[in-house]
Amino acid sequence: MSSNSSPGKSNAEEHSDATSPPNPSENLASRIRDLDVDSIRRYFAQKFGFYELSETPSTIEKVLDEVNLDGIVKWIKSARCQNVITLSGAGISTSAGIPDFRSPETGLYHNLQKYNLPEPQAIFEINFFRQNPKPFFTLAKELFPGNFKPTISHYFIRLLHEKGLLLRHYTQNIDTLERGAGVPHEKLVEAHGTFFTSHCLECRKQYTLEFIKEHIFADEIPICSECPGVVKPDIVFFGESLPSRFTECLQEDFQKCDMLIIMGSSLEVQPFASLIDMVPEWCPRLLINREKAGMRSPILRLWGLMSGGLQLDEGAVRDVARLGDCDDGCQDLADRLGWGDELRALVAREHERLECENALSNPHAPLVGPSISGPPVIPIVTPDSPEGLIPTVGPNPTVGPSSLTPEPKL
């Protein structure tokens, strides 16, 4: 599958490739699978005071001089920080007027009762869509991308690029606001696809934004001109494979990362949530979010899986949380770095430009970055995978959905 391949293809043509380079999650996933019943029994015995570990758990060397936002600022300013990776979720776009998924009262899932769904997430499940696509297209009309300005958070990502620090930005969002903010195509990975192009679910014929928009706003289900198949936007639904660019980039990016910034994500959706565990163990990680997220079960750390999620408790050595709205957090970080006025000027200048150019009426075209060599590997989450565990790893399907659980974002 090339970097231009669309998501949502059949899983039947999945193939293996013996030449695939090792993936950082493979060892972690195999260690999780090796936890047998006796090991779990000993864990609970120790937890309730019936068993004491024979070995003292090894301590992790403190990474930051201060495990707080000031320590993060000092690290970013240091010569050791050269390759920053940013991960973003719906929270960086809420101030643009785009709802997130899980917020009480205002979140998208809270307001889907009118669609008579078996459960809120069904509107983004590929199997449900195949049976009944109407609810999705009704919702798409209400939330069609366009007329939204990038936020302070989006421009902070661009500023990281302009400072020569941004290695890559991975986004769960399909609102195209990263592109609107001027994040270069080679720096951007749209992990959950894009609304800009569409494909027939049956014959895979590609369609333009204009085609899908015309049918959506006419309250019609778009049907392929070549066959009776439904035409679906190239956003990744539950049960579909992620774009190949996602897996191509992560193989090279995360071992180079020396600063990870997570912005506006609940870190509940795999495999995106597992990216926080793929950076080196010494790499500082900053969470900018309304609430703490990504904290894994203590059982992972008990058995030596020290990269199992963020550690935001008193024993943290490299992980810091800046709680609150993402825009406030990004502006605060920029101010502490001495970039605050520059960020404010960038936002004002770019918002004025977008209005003058009338560039808010449609999503921005997808940006296709250079292909990264090496056969991609797609993390796969099976339906019975325990929440919070690293997914098993399988070869990249040539055409097809794996049992992924991405959170689509409108």
Foldseek 3Di string as FASTA:
>chain_A
DDLPDFKQFAPPQFDADPPFDDALCAVQQVVVVPCDPVNVVQVVCVVVPNDDDPDDDDADDFQFPDQELLSVLVVCPDPLQQEEEEEEEPLQQVVQVFADADDPPGHPQNPLVVVVDPGSLLLQAPVSCQVPVLSVLQVCLVRPAFPTAGALLLLLQVVCVVVNRYPAYEYLAQNQNNVLLPDAQQRYDNFFFYQQKKAFSPPGDIDGNVQSNVQSVVSHFDADPVDRTTIDGRGHGQQMFTRLQVQQVLRPRQQVHQEYEYEHDQLQFPPSSVSQLSHDPSRAYEYEEQDDHFDADCVCVVVPNVSQTADDDPSDRRYYYDHDRRSVVSLVSCVSSVNNVVSVVSSVVSVVVCVVVVVGGHRDDRRRHDGHDGFGKTFAADPPDDGSRNGHIGGDRPTIGGNGGRDYGD
